[in-house]
Amino acid sequence: MNLLLEIIVLNGFLLDALGVAGLGLLAMAAARLVREKKSWGGSMMAYGAAALLIARVYVLLAPHFVDQAFVDAVGPYAFELLKIMPMTLLTFGLAGVVWGLWGHEKWLKEKY
């Protein structure tokens, strides 16, 4: 087996941890951009990064706490909503980051 493929398949936790850390850094950088430069695009990037981070952490933790007892406790409709939640957060998170980048670029063109 290829060494890179083996690292990706067998050591997925390292890549997940790096992904979560990267999203956290993106959120902190966007929040700093808002605080220092007053850019509305930075706030959209921060919201998008936070949504991506929440979805990523949910996907990582869901296998550990979602079992049949949990499904019985929340009911079938709430469980269906919980299944849809990561895709929704990922979609809106990516849209927020892209919209934030576009907005910040537009803000920079107007300001300078």
PDB file of N, CA and C in Angstrom:
ATOM      1  N   MET A   1       0.843  -1.174   0.000  1.00  0.00           N
ATOM      2  CA  MET A   1       0.000   0.000   0.000  1.00  0.00           C
ATOM      3  C   MET A   1       0.895   1.245   0.000  1.00  0.00           C
ATOM      4  N   ASN A   2       0.452   2.272  -0.676  1.00  0.00           N
ATOM      5  CA  ASN A   2       1.161   3.541  -0.718  1.00  0.00           C
ATOM      6  C   ASN A   2       1.231   4.139   0.688  1.00  0.00           C
ATOM      7  N   LEU A   3       2.360   4.710   1.062  1.00  0.00           N
ATOM      8  CA  LEU A   3       2.556   5.239   2.412  1.00  0.00           C
ATOM      9  C   LEU A   3       1.589   6.386   2.710  1.00  0.00           C
ATOM     10  N   LEU A   4       1.385   7.283   1.759  1.00  0.00           N
ATOM     11  CA  LEU A   4       0.464   8.403   1.975  1.00  0.00           C
ATOM     12  C   LEU A   4      -0.964   7.903   2.160  1.00  0.00           C
ATOM     13  N   LEU A   5      -1.381   6.953   1.339  1.00  0.00           N
ATOM     14  CA  LEU A   5      -2.719   6.386   1.478  1.00  0.00           C
ATOM     15  C   LEU A   5      -2.870   5.670   2.811  1.00  0.00           C
ATOM     16  N   GLU A   6      -1.845   4.973   3.243  1.00  0.00           N
ATOM     17  CA  GLU A   6      -1.880   4.283   4.530  1.00  0.00           C
ATOM     18  C   GLU A   6      -2.002   5.277   5.687  1.00  0.00           C
ATOM     19  N   ILE A   7      -1.292   6.395   5.599  1.00  0.00           N
ATOM     20  CA  ILE A   7      -1.397   7.425   6.638  1.00  0.00           C
ATOM     21  C   ILE A   7      -2.802   8.003   6.672  1.00  0.00           C
ATOM     22  N   ILE A   8      -3.376   8.251   5.507  1.00  0.00           N
ATOM     23  CA  ILE A   8      -4.727   8.826   5.453  1.00  0.00           C
ATOM     24  C   ILE A   8      -5.755   7.850   5.998  1.00  0.00           C
ATOM     25  N   VAL A   9      -5.653   6.581   5.631  1.00  0.00           N
ATOM     26  CA  VAL A   9      -6.652   5.594   6.047  1.00  0.00           C
ATOM     27  C   VAL A   9      -6.492   5.212   7.511  1.00  0.00           C
ATOM     28  N   LEU A  10      -5.276   4.926   7.936  1.00  0.00           N
ATOM     29  CA  LEU A  10      -5.067   4.415   9.285  1.00  0.00           C
ATOM     30  C   LEU A  10      -4.958   5.507  10.341  1.00  0.00           C
ATOM     31  N   ASN A  11      -4.447   6.654   9.981  1.00  0.00           N
ATOM     32  CA  ASN A  11      -4.255   7.730  10.946  1.00  0.00           C
ATOM     33  C   ASN A  11      -5.191   8.893  10.645  1.00  0.00           C
ATOM     34  N   GLY A  12      -6.454   8.601  10.512  1.00  0.00           N
ATOM     35  CA  GLY A  12      -7.429   9.637  10.194  1.00  0.00           C
ATOM     36  C   GLY A  12      -7.589  10.662  11.291  1.00  0.00           C
ATOM     37  N   PHE A  13      -7.309  10.273  12.539  1.00  0.00           N
ATOM     38  CA  PHE A  13      -7.485  11.211  13.644  1.00  0.00           C
ATOM     39  C   PHE A  13      -6.541  12.399  13.524  1.00  0.00           C
ATOM     40  N   LEU A  14      -5.322  12.159  13.087  1.00  0.00           N
ATOM     41  CA  LEU A  14      -4.366  13.249  12.923  1.00  0.00           C
ATOM     42  C   LEU A  14      -4.872  14.255  11.898  1.00  0.00           C
ATOM     43  N   LEU A  15      -5.381  13.758  10.778  1.00  0.00           N
ATOM     44  CA  LEU A  15      -5.901  14.664   9.758  1.00  0.00           C
ATOM     45  C   LEU A  15      -7.146  15.391  10.248  1.00  0.00           C
ATOM     46  N   ASP A  16      -8.003  14.700  11.013  1.00  0.00           N
ATOM     47  CA  ASP A  16      -9.177  15.357  11.579  1.00  0.00           C
ATOM     48  C   ASP A  16      -8.772  16.442  12.563  1.00  0.00           C
ATOM     49  N   ALA A  17      -7.789  16.149  13.391  1.00  0.00           N
ATOM     50  CA  ALA A  17      -7.325  17.144  14.358  1.00  0.00           C
ATOM     51  C   ALA A  17      -6.718  18.351  13.649  1.00  0.00           C
ATOM     52  N   LEU A  18      -5.963  18.110  12.595  1.00  0.00           N
ATOM     53  CA  LEU A  18      -5.393  19.223  11.836  1.00  0.00           C
ATOM     54  C   LEU A  18      -6.480  20.032  11.137  1.00  0.00           C
ATOM     55  N   GLY A  19      -7.526  19.360  10.656  1.00  0.00           N
ATOM     56  CA  GLY A  19      -8.645  20.066  10.037  1.00  0.00           C
ATOM     57  C   GLY A  19      -9.378  20.949  11.022  1.00  0.00           C
ATOM     58  N   VAL A  20      -9.623  20.433  12.223  1.00  0.00           N
ATOM     59  CA  VAL A  20     -10.286  21.222  13.261  1.00  0.00           C
ATOM     60  C   VAL A  20      -9.404  22.399  13.672  1.00  0.00           C
ATOM     61  N   ALA A  21      -8.106  22.155  13.816  1.00  0.00           N
ATOM     62  CA  ALA A  21      -7.193  23.244  14.178  1.00  0.00           C
ATOM     63  C   ALA A  21      -7.148  24.305  13.079  1.00  0.00           C
ATOM     64  N   GLY A  22      -7.145  23.886  11.832  1.00  0.00           N
ATOM     65  CA  GLY A  22      -7.140  24.841  10.723  1.00  0.00           C
ATOM     66  C   GLY A  22      -8.399  25.684  10.676  1.00  0.00           C
ATOM     67  N   LEU A  23      -9.545  25.061  10.913  1.00  0.00           N
ATOM     68  CA  LEU A  23     -10.794  25.824  10.942  1.00  0.00           C
ATOM     69  C   LEU A  23     -10.821  26.787  12.120  1.00  0.00           C
ATOM     70  N   GLY A  24     -10.280  26.361  13.248  1.00  0.00           N
ATOM     71  CA  GLY A  24     -10.195  27.258  14.398  1.00  0.00           C
ATOM     72  C   GLY A  24      -9.308  28.457  14.112  1.00  0.00           C
ATOM     73  N   LEU A  25      -8.184  28.220  13.441  1.00  0.00           N
ATOM     74  CA  LEU A  25      -7.295  29.328  13.073  1.00  0.00           C
ATOM     75  C   LEU A  25      -7.961  30.271  12.075  1.00  0.00           C
ATOM     76  N   LEU A  26      -8.724  29.713  11.132  1.00  0.00           N
ATOM     77  CA  LEU A  26      -9.452  30.551  10.178  1.00  0.00           C
ATOM     78  C   LEU A  26     -10.473  31.425  10.895  1.00  0.00           C
ATOM     79  N   ALA A  27     -11.191  30.848  11.843  1.00  0.00           N
ATOM     80  CA  ALA A  27     -12.183  31.616  12.599  1.00  0.00           C
ATOM     81  C   ALA A  27     -11.513  32.714  13.420  1.00  0.00           C
ATOM     82  N   MET A  28     -10.392  32.394  14.058  1.00  0.00           N
ATOM     83  CA  MET A  28      -9.695  33.411  14.857  1.00  0.00           C
ATOM     84  C   MET A  28      -9.118  34.518  13.974  1.00  0.00           C
ATOM     85  N   ALA A  29      -8.581  34.155  12.813  1.00  0.00           N
ATOM     86  CA  ALA A  29      -8.041  35.172  11.906  1.00  0.00           C
ATOM     87  C   ALA A  29      -9.149  36.072  11.373  1.00  0.00           C
ATOM     88  N   ALA A  30     -10.298  35.487  11.061  1.00  0.00           N
ATOM     89  CA  ALA A  30     -11.416  36.298  10.576  1.00  0.00           C
ATOM     90  C   ALA A  30     -11.943  37.211  11.677  1.00  0.00           C
ATOM     91  N   ALA A  31     -11.999  36.718  12.906  1.00  0.00           N
ATOM     92  CA  ALA A  31     -12.446  37.560  14.021  1.00  0.00           C
ATOM     93  C   ALA A  31     -11.460  38.702  14.261  1.00  0.00           C
ATOM     94  N   ARG A  32     -10.189  38.439  14.115  1.00  0.00           N
ATOM     95  CA  ARG A  32      -9.182  39.498  14.266  1.00  0.00           C
ATOM     96  C   ARG A  32      -9.317  40.530  13.146  1.00  0.00           C
ATOM     97  N   LEU A  33      -9.629  40.061  11.944  1.00  0.00           N
ATOM     98  CA  LEU A  33      -9.850  40.966  10.820  1.00  0.00           C
ATOM     99  C   LEU A  33     -11.030  41.894  11.093  1.00  0.00           C
ATOM    100  N   VAL A  34     -12.070  41.360  11.679  1.00  0.00           N
ATOM    101  CA  VAL A  34     -13.238  42.178  12.028  1.00  0.00           C
ATOM    102  C   VAL A  34     -12.864  43.197  13.094  1.00  0.00           C
ATOM    103  N   ARG A  35     -12.168  42.751  14.113  1.00  0.00           N
ATOM    104  CA  ARG A  35     -11.849  43.631  15.235  1.00  0.00           C
ATOM    105  C   ARG A  35     -10.899  44.759  14.826  1.00  0.00           C
ATOM    106  N   GLU A  36      -9.895  44.437  14.024  1.00  0.00           N
ATOM    107  CA  GLU A  36      -8.889  45.448  13.698  1.00  0.00           C
ATOM    108  C   GLU A  36      -9.253  46.303  12.490  1.00  0.00           C
ATOM    109  N   LYS A  37      -9.876  45.712  11.491  1.00  0.00           N
ATOM    110  CA  LYS A  37     -10.138  46.436  10.243  1.00  0.00           C
ATOM    111  C   LYS A  37     -11.610  46.799  10.043  1.00  0.00           C
ATOM    112  N   LYS A  38     -12.485  46.309  10.902  1.00  0.00           N
ATOM    113  CA  LYS A  38     -13.931  46.577  10.804  1.00  0.00           C
ATOM    114  C   LYS A  38     -14.501  46.125   9.456  1.00  0.00           C
ATOM    115  N   SER A  39     -14.081  44.960   8.995  1.00  0.00           N
ATOM    116  CA  SER A  39     -14.521  44.414   7.715  1.00  0.00           C
ATOM    117  C   SER A  39     -15.732  43.517   7.925  1.00  0.00           C
ATOM    118  N   TRP A  40     -16.830  43.793   7.198  1.00  0.00           N
ATOM    119  CA  TRP A  40     -18.005  42.930   7.341  1.00  0.00           C
ATOM    120  C   TRP A  40     -17.763  41.575   6.684  1.00  0.00           C
ATOM    121  N   GLY A  41     -16.866  41.524   5.716  1.00  0.00           N
ATOM    122  CA  GLY A  41     -16.521  40.244   5.111  1.00  0.00           C
ATOM    123  C   GLY A  41     -15.830  39.319   6.100  1.00  0.00           C
ATOM    124  N   GLY A  42     -15.070  39.901   7.007  1.00  0.00           N
ATOM    125  CA  GLY A  42     -14.418  39.101   8.042  1.00  0.00           C
ATOM    126  C   GLY A  42     -15.417  38.458   8.972  1.00  0.00           C
ATOM    127  N   SER A  43     -16.505  39.172   9.271  1.00  0.00           N
ATOM    128  CA  SER A  43     -17.523  38.569  10.141  1.00  0.00           C
ATOM    129  C   SER A  43     -18.222  37.413   9.445  1.00  0.00           C
ATOM    130  N   MET A  44     -18.456  37.534   8.140  1.00  0.00           N
ATOM    131  CA  MET A  44     -19.056  36.411   7.409  1.00  0.00           C
ATOM    132  C   MET A  44     -18.099  35.223   7.371  1.00  0.00           C
ATOM    133  N   MET A  45     -16.814  35.497   7.194  1.00  0.00           N
ATOM    134  CA  MET A  45     -15.832  34.411   7.225  1.00  0.00           C
ATOM    135  C   MET A  45     -15.800  33.743   8.590  1.00  0.00           C
ATOM    136  N   ALA A  46     -15.899  34.528   9.649  1.00  0.00           N
ATOM    137  CA  ALA A  46     -15.886  33.963  11.002  1.00  0.00           C
ATOM    138  C   ALA A  46     -17.118  33.102  11.237  1.00  0.00           C
ATOM    139  N   TYR A  47     -18.289  33.573  10.807  1.00  0.00           N
ATOM    140  CA  TYR A  47     -19.513  32.772  10.958  1.00  0.00           C
ATOM    141  C   TYR A  47     -19.416  31.480  10.150  1.00  0.00           C
ATOM    142  N   GLY A  48     -18.912  31.579   8.930  1.00  0.00           N
ATOM    143  CA  GLY A  48     -18.767  30.388   8.098  1.00  0.00           C
ATOM    144  C   GLY A  48     -17.777  29.393   8.678  1.00  0.00           C
ATOM    145  N   ALA A  49     -16.656  29.893   9.173  1.00  0.00           N
ATOM    146  CA  ALA A  49     -15.655  29.006   9.777  1.00  0.00           C
ATOM    147  C   ALA A  49     -16.196  28.361  11.043  1.00  0.00           C
ATOM    148  N   ALA A  50     -16.976  29.104  11.823  1.00  0.00           N
ATOM    149  CA  ALA A  50     -17.574  28.525  13.032  1.00  0.00           C
ATOM    150  C   ALA A  50     -18.570  27.431  12.669  1.00  0.00           C
ATOM    151  N   ALA A  51     -19.367  27.649  11.620  1.00  0.00           N
ATOM    152  CA  ALA A  51     -20.314  26.618  11.187  1.00  0.00           C
ATOM    153  C   ALA A  51     -19.576  25.378  10.690  1.00  0.00           C
ATOM    154  N   LEU A  52     -18.509  25.572   9.929  1.00  0.00           N
ATOM    155  CA  LEU A  52     -17.707  24.434   9.469  1.00  0.00           C
ATOM    156  C   LEU A  52     -17.071  23.696  10.637  1.00  0.00           C
ATOM    157  N   LEU A  53     -16.604  24.438  11.620  1.00  0.00           N
ATOM    158  CA  LEU A  53     -15.977  23.831  12.794  1.00  0.00           C
ATOM    159  C   LEU A  53     -16.985  23.018  13.592  1.00  0.00           C
ATOM    160  N   ILE A  54     -18.180  23.553  13.795  1.00  0.00           N
ATOM    161  CA  ILE A  54     -19.225  22.823  14.522  1.00  0.00           C
ATOM    162  C   ILE A  54     -19.603  21.553  13.773  1.00  0.00           C
ATOM    163  N   ALA A  55     -19.753  21.652  12.449  1.00  0.00           N
ATOM    164  CA  ALA A  55     -20.103  20.467  11.662  1.00  0.00           C
ATOM    165  C   ALA A  55     -18.999  19.421  11.726  1.00  0.00           C
ATOM    166  N   ARG A  56     -17.760  19.869  11.650  1.00  0.00           N
ATOM    167  CA  ARG A  56     -16.626  18.930  11.690  1.00  0.00           C
ATOM    168  C   ARG A  56     -16.551  18.208  13.035  1.00  0.00           C
ATOM    169  N   VAL A  57     -16.708  18.952  14.113  1.00  0.00           N
ATOM    170  CA  VAL A  57     -16.670  18.341  15.444  1.00  0.00           C
ATOM    171  C   VAL A  57     -17.854  17.397  15.626  1.00  0.00           C
ATOM    172  N   TYR A  58     -19.028  17.769  15.112  1.00  0.00           N
ATOM    173  CA  TYR A  58     -20.197  16.892  15.211  1.00  0.00           C
ATOM    174  C   TYR A  58     -19.960  15.581  14.462  1.00  0.00           C
ATOM    175  N   VAL A  59     -19.399  15.683  13.262  1.00  0.00           N
ATOM    176  CA  VAL A  59     -19.133  14.466  12.483  1.00  0.00           C
ATOM    177  C   VAL A  59     -18.123  13.577  13.202  1.00  0.00           C
ATOM    178  N   LEU A  60     -17.147  14.189  13.870  1.00  0.00           N
ATOM    179  CA  LEU A  60     -16.151  13.400  14.598  1.00  0.00           C
ATOM    180  C   LEU A  60     -16.727  12.750  15.851  1.00  0.00           C
ATOM    181  N   LEU A  61     -17.626  13.456  16.552  1.00  0.00           N
ATOM    182  CA  LEU A  61     -18.129  12.957  17.832  1.00  0.00           C
ATOM    183  C   LEU A  61     -19.406  12.133  17.719  1.00  0.00           C
ATOM    184  N   ALA A  62     -20.161  12.284  16.651  1.00  0.00           N
ATOM    185  CA  ALA A  62     -21.452  11.602  16.531  1.00  0.00           C
ATOM    186  C   ALA A  62     -21.354  10.077  16.667  1.00  0.00           C
ATOM    187  N   PRO A  63     -20.376   9.418  16.072  1.00  0.00           N
ATOM    188  CA  PRO A  63     -20.323   7.962  16.232  1.00  0.00           C
ATOM    189  C   PRO A  63     -20.143   7.506  17.678  1.00  0.00           C
ATOM    190  N   HIS A  64     -19.656   8.388  18.539  1.00  0.00           N
ATOM    191  CA  HIS A  64     -19.402   8.004  19.921  1.00  0.00           C
ATOM    192  C   HIS A  64     -20.623   8.149  20.822  1.00  0.00           C
ATOM    193  N   PHE A  65     -21.593   8.987  20.449  1.00  0.00           N
ATOM    194  CA  PHE A  65     -22.749   9.155  21.336  1.00  0.00           C
ATOM    195  C   PHE A  65     -24.091   8.840  20.688  1.00  0.00           C
ATOM    196  N   VAL A  66     -24.144   8.608  19.397  1.00  0.00           N
ATOM    197  CA  VAL A  66     -25.409   8.261  18.754  1.00  0.00           C
ATOM    198  C   VAL A  66     -25.519   6.740  18.703  1.00  0.00           C
ATOM    199  N   ASP A  67     -26.407   6.214  19.531  1.00  0.00           N
ATOM    200  CA  ASP A  67     -26.696   4.785  19.522  1.00  0.00           C
ATOM    201  C   ASP A  67     -28.218   4.623  19.563  1.00  0.00           C
ATOM    202  N   GLN A  68     -28.679   3.399  19.671  1.00  0.00           N
ATOM    203  CA  GLN A  68     -30.122   3.152  19.630  1.00  0.00           C
ATOM    204  C   GLN A  68     -30.843   3.806  20.805  1.00  0.00           C
ATOM    205  N   ALA A  69     -30.232   3.836  21.972  1.00  0.00           N
ATOM    206  CA  ALA A  69     -30.861   4.491  23.125  1.00  0.00           C
ATOM    207  C   ALA A  69     -31.016   5.992  22.874  1.00  0.00           C
ATOM    208  N   PHE A  70     -30.028   6.600  22.237  1.00  0.00           N
ATOM    209  CA  PHE A  70     -30.111   8.025  21.907  1.00  0.00           C
ATOM    210  C   PHE A  70     -31.219   8.281  20.897  1.00  0.00           C
ATOM    211  N   VAL A  71     -31.309   7.424  19.886  1.00  0.00           N
ATOM    212  CA  VAL A  71     -32.358   7.575  18.872  1.00  0.00           C
ATOM    213  C   VAL A  71     -33.731   7.432  19.507  1.00  0.00           C
ATOM    214  N   ASP A  72     -33.884   6.472  20.411  1.00  0.00           N
ATOM    215  CA  ASP A  72     -35.163   6.300  21.100  1.00  0.00           C
ATOM    216  C   ASP A  72     -35.488   7.496  21.987  1.00  0.00           C
ATOM    217  N   ALA A  73     -34.471   8.102  22.579  1.00  0.00           N
ATOM    218  CA  ALA A  73     -34.702   9.229  23.484  1.00  0.00           C
ATOM    219  C   ALA A  73     -35.136  10.486  22.734  1.00  0.00           C
ATOM    220  N   VAL A  74     -34.545  10.765  21.578  1.00  0.00           N
ATOM    221  CA  VAL A  74     -34.874  12.001  20.863  1.00  0.00           C
ATOM    222  C   VAL A  74     -36.038  11.838  19.900  1.00  0.00           C
ATOM    223  N   GLY A  75     -36.339  10.630  19.506  1.00  0.00           N
ATOM    224  CA  GLY A  75     -37.442  10.403  18.583  1.00  0.00           C
ATOM    225  C   GLY A  75     -36.972  10.404  17.134  1.00  0.00           C
ATOM    226  N   PRO A  76     -37.816   9.884  16.250  1.00  0.00           N
ATOM    227  CA  PRO A  76     -37.388   9.736  14.855  1.00  0.00           C
ATOM    228  C   PRO A  76     -37.234  11.068  14.114  1.00  0.00           C
ATOM    229  N   TYR A  77     -38.085  12.049  14.409  1.00  0.00           N
ATOM    230  CA  TYR A  77     -37.998  13.321  13.687  1.00  0.00           C
ATOM    231  C   TYR A  77     -36.752  14.103  14.083  1.00  0.00           C
ATOM    232  N   ALA A  78     -36.464  14.131  15.361  1.00  0.00           N
ATOM    233  CA  ALA A  78     -35.253  14.817  15.817  1.00  0.00           C
ATOM    234  C   ALA A  78     -34.008  14.106  15.296  1.00  0.00           C
ATOM    235  N   PHE A  79     -34.054  12.782  15.211  1.00  0.00           N
ATOM    236  CA  PHE A  79     -32.906  12.050  14.688  1.00  0.00           C
ATOM    237  C   PHE A  79     -32.684  12.380  13.212  1.00  0.00           C
ATOM    238  N   GLU A  80     -33.767  12.515  12.441  1.00  0.00           N
ATOM    239  CA  GLU A  80     -33.630  12.906  11.035  1.00  0.00           C
ATOM    240  C   GLU A  80     -33.028  14.306  10.914  1.00  0.00           C
ATOM    241  N   LEU A  81     -33.437  15.210  11.803  1.00  0.00           N
ATOM    242  CA  LEU A  81     -32.847  16.551  11.798  1.00  0.00           C
ATOM    243  C   LEU A  81     -31.364  16.503  12.152  1.00  0.00           C
ATOM    244  N   LEU A  82     -31.006  15.626  13.086  1.00  0.00           N
ATOM    245  CA  LEU A  82     -29.595  15.487  13.457  1.00  0.00           C
ATOM    246  C   LEU A  82     -28.765  14.905  12.315  1.00  0.00           C
ATOM    247  N   LYS A  83     -29.388  14.081  11.465  1.00  0.00           N
ATOM    248  CA  LYS A  83     -28.666  13.542  10.316  1.00  0.00           C
ATOM    249  C   LYS A  83     -28.446  14.607   9.245  1.00  0.00           C
ATOM    250  N   ILE A  84     -29.376  15.555   9.135  1.00  0.00           N
ATOM    251  CA  ILE A  84     -29.285  16.603   8.124  1.00  0.00           C
ATOM    252  C   ILE A  84     -28.373  17.744   8.577  1.00  0.00           C
ATOM    253  N   MET A  85     -28.244  17.926   9.881  1.00  0.00           N
ATOM    254  CA  MET A  85     -27.521  19.074  10.424  1.00  0.00           C
ATOM    255  C   MET A  85     -26.089  19.233   9.896  1.00  0.00           C
ATOM    256  N   PRO A  86     -25.262  18.193   9.837  1.00  0.00           N
ATOM    257  CA  PRO A  86     -23.887  18.413   9.351  1.00  0.00           C
ATOM    258  C   PRO A  86     -23.832  18.917   7.910  1.00  0.00           C
ATOM    259  N   MET A  87     -24.663  18.364   7.037  1.00  0.00           N
ATOM    260  CA  MET A  87     -24.656  18.821   5.643  1.00  0.00           C
ATOM    261  C   MET A  87     -25.097  20.273   5.542  1.00  0.00           C
ATOM    262  N   THR A  88     -26.093  20.642   6.342  1.00  0.00           N
ATOM    263  CA  THR A  88     -26.569  22.025   6.331  1.00  0.00           C
ATOM    264  C   THR A  88     -25.490  22.971   6.844  1.00  0.00           C
ATOM    265  N   LEU A  89     -24.860  22.602   7.948  1.00  0.00           N
ATOM    266  CA  LEU A  89     -23.798  23.451   8.492  1.00  0.00           C
ATOM    267  C   LEU A  89     -22.610  23.556   7.537  1.00  0.00           C
ATOM    268  N   LEU A  90     -22.248  22.457   6.891  1.00  0.00           N
ATOM    269  CA  LEU A  90     -21.145  22.500   5.934  1.00  0.00           C
ATOM    270  C   LEU A  90     -21.485  23.386   4.741  1.00  0.00           C
ATOM    271  N   THR A  91     -22.728  23.295   4.261  1.00  0.00           N
ATOM    272  CA  THR A  91     -23.148  24.115   3.126  1.00  0.00           C
ATOM    273  C   THR A  91     -23.131  25.594   3.477  1.00  0.00           C
ATOM    274  N   PHE A  92     -23.791  25.947   4.586  1.00  0.00           N
ATOM    275  CA  PHE A  92     -23.833  27.355   4.977  1.00  0.00           C
ATOM    276  C   PHE A  92     -22.462  27.862   5.429  1.00  0.00           C
ATOM    277  N   GLY A  93     -21.662  26.991   6.014  1.00  0.00           N
ATOM    278  CA  GLY A  93     -20.323  27.395   6.424  1.00  0.00           C
ATOM    279  C   GLY A  93     -19.439  27.724   5.239  1.00  0.00           C
ATOM    280  N   LEU A  94     -19.467  26.868   4.230  1.00  0.00           N
ATOM    281  CA  LEU A  94     -18.677  27.140   3.031  1.00  0.00           C
ATOM    282  C   LEU A  94     -19.182  28.391   2.332  1.00  0.00           C
ATOM    283  N   ALA A  95     -20.501  28.548   2.269  1.00  0.00           N
ATOM    284  CA  ALA A  95     -21.070  29.759   1.667  1.00  0.00           C
ATOM    285  C   ALA A  95     -20.648  30.997   2.449  1.00  0.00           C
ATOM    286  N   GLY A  96     -20.629  30.907   3.772  1.00  0.00           N
ATOM    287  CA  GLY A  96     -20.213  32.045   4.589  1.00  0.00           C
ATOM    288  C   GLY A  96     -18.761  32.421   4.375  1.00  0.00           C
ATOM    289  N   VAL A  97     -17.894  31.428   4.277  1.00  0.00           N
ATOM    290  CA  VAL A  97     -16.471  31.713   4.051  1.00  0.00           C
ATOM    291  C   VAL A  97     -16.269  32.348   2.673  1.00  0.00           C
ATOM    292  N   VAL A  98     -16.918  31.795   1.654  1.00  0.00           N
ATOM    293  CA  VAL A  98     -16.766  32.345   0.301  1.00  0.00           C
ATOM    294  C   VAL A  98     -17.357  33.749   0.222  1.00  0.00           C
ATOM    295  N   TRP A  99     -18.548  33.939   0.793  1.00  0.00           N
ATOM    296  CA  TRP A  99     -19.177  35.256   0.791  1.00  0.00           C
ATOM    297  C   TRP A  99     -18.319  36.251   1.576  1.00  0.00           C
ATOM    298  N   GLY A 100     -17.729  35.797   2.665  1.00  0.00           N
ATOM    299  CA  GLY A 100     -16.853  36.663   3.446  1.00  0.00           C
ATOM    300  C   GLY A 100     -15.608  37.073   2.684  1.00  0.00           C
ATOM    301  N   LEU A 101     -15.003  36.136   1.957  1.00  0.00           N
ATOM    302  CA  LEU A 101     -13.838  36.484   1.140  1.00  0.00           C
ATOM    303  C   LEU A 101     -14.210  37.494   0.064  1.00  0.00           C
ATOM    304  N   TRP A 102     -15.354  37.264  -0.580  1.00  0.00           N
ATOM    305  CA  TRP A 102     -15.821  38.195  -1.603  1.00  0.00           C
ATOM    306  C   TRP A 102     -16.107  39.565  -0.992  1.00  0.00           C
ATOM    307  N   GLY A 103     -16.769  39.574   0.146  1.00  0.00           N
ATOM    308  CA  GLY A 103     -17.101  40.834   0.805  1.00  0.00           C
ATOM    309  C   GLY A 103     -15.872  41.594   1.263  1.00  0.00           C
ATOM    310  N   HIS A 104     -14.886  40.880   1.762  1.00  0.00           N
ATOM    311  CA  HIS A 104     -13.664  41.549   2.205  1.00  0.00           C
ATOM    312  C   HIS A 104     -12.906  42.122   1.008  1.00  0.00           C
ATOM    313  N   GLU A 105     -12.877  41.383  -0.087  1.00  0.00           N
ATOM    314  CA  GLU A 105     -12.223  41.902  -1.288  1.00  0.00           C
ATOM    315  C   GLU A 105     -12.941  43.157  -1.784  1.00  0.00           C
ATOM    316  N   LYS A 106     -14.262  43.131  -1.785  1.00  0.00           N
ATOM    317  CA  LYS A 106     -15.043  44.301  -2.207  1.00  0.00           C
ATOM    318  C   LYS A 106     -14.779  45.480  -1.271  1.00  0.00           C
ATOM    319  N   TRP A 107     -14.709  45.209   0.015  1.00  0.00           N
ATOM    320  CA  TRP A 107     -14.440  46.256   1.003  1.00  0.00           C
ATOM    321  C   TRP A 107     -13.053  46.860   0.784  1.00  0.00           C
ATOM    322  N   LEU A 108     -12.064  46.010   0.485  1.00  0.00           N
ATOM    323  CA  LEU A 108     -10.714  46.514   0.228  1.00  0.00           C
ATOM    324  C   LEU A 108     -10.674  47.393  -1.014  1.00  0.00           C
ATOM    325  N   LYS A 109     -11.409  47.005  -2.074  1.00  0.00           N
ATOM    326  CA  LYS A 109     -11.430  47.817  -3.296  1.00  0.00           C
ATOM    327  C   LYS A 109     -12.088  49.168  -3.046  1.00  0.00           C
ATOM    328  N   GLU A 110     -13.134  49.187  -2.217  1.00  0.00           N
ATOM    329  CA  GLU A 110     -13.806  50.450  -1.916  1.00  0.00           C
ATOM    330  C   GLU A 110     -12.940  51.346  -1.038  1.00  0.00           C
ATOM    331  N   LYS A 111     -12.217  50.738  -0.120  1.00  0.00           N
ATOM    332  CA  LYS A 111     -11.440  51.524   0.838  1.00  0.00           C
ATOM    333  C   LYS A 111     -10.148  52.056   0.227  1.00  0.00           C
ATOM    334  N   TYR A 112      -9.486  51.255  -0.590  1.00  0.00           N
ATOM    335  CA  TYR A 112      -8.173  51.656  -1.114  1.00  0.00           C
ATOM    336  C   TYR A 112      -8.276  51.978  -2.577  1.00  0.00           C
TER     337      TYR A 112
END
